[in-house]
Amino acid sequence: QVQLVESGGGLVQPGESLRLSCAASKSTLNFYAVAWFRQAPGKEREGVSCFSTSDRRTYYADSVKGRFTMSGDSDGNTVYLQLNSLKPEDTAVYYCAIGLGFWATSWYQPHLYDYWGQGTQVTVSS
């Protein structure tokens, strides 16, 4: 079992930045994958970014490449998502998730993850 708590969301204007945090009760480095997802009203949950401890790579959705950056502290207890150049379409609840396995070609699929946080709201509006 691992508990995840997201924070850092808020209301920002287009073009601004936010930094989301995900605090884990155990080091995320003990698991195969840690990821960020988001869900906008009326839409399915979508993968935003994932770090795999098996290949040590970070994966990003095309919609956020070059704008969002995933990172973590050295002990793996906190994972971050830096959101730059925010757009109204980035508005969603953002979730942190941990997977007990990892599949490079399908990292963005929510059903592959085993533990979830409660989410943090990001609203981008002028």
Foldseek 3Di string as FASTA:
>chain_A
DKAKAKDWADEEAAQAKIKMKIFMPAALLVAQKKFKWWDDPPGDIWTAWMAGNVVRDIDGDPVCPPAWDWDADPRRRMIMIIGGRDDQVVWTWMKMFTANHDDVVPNTDPVRTDYIYPTDTHGYHD
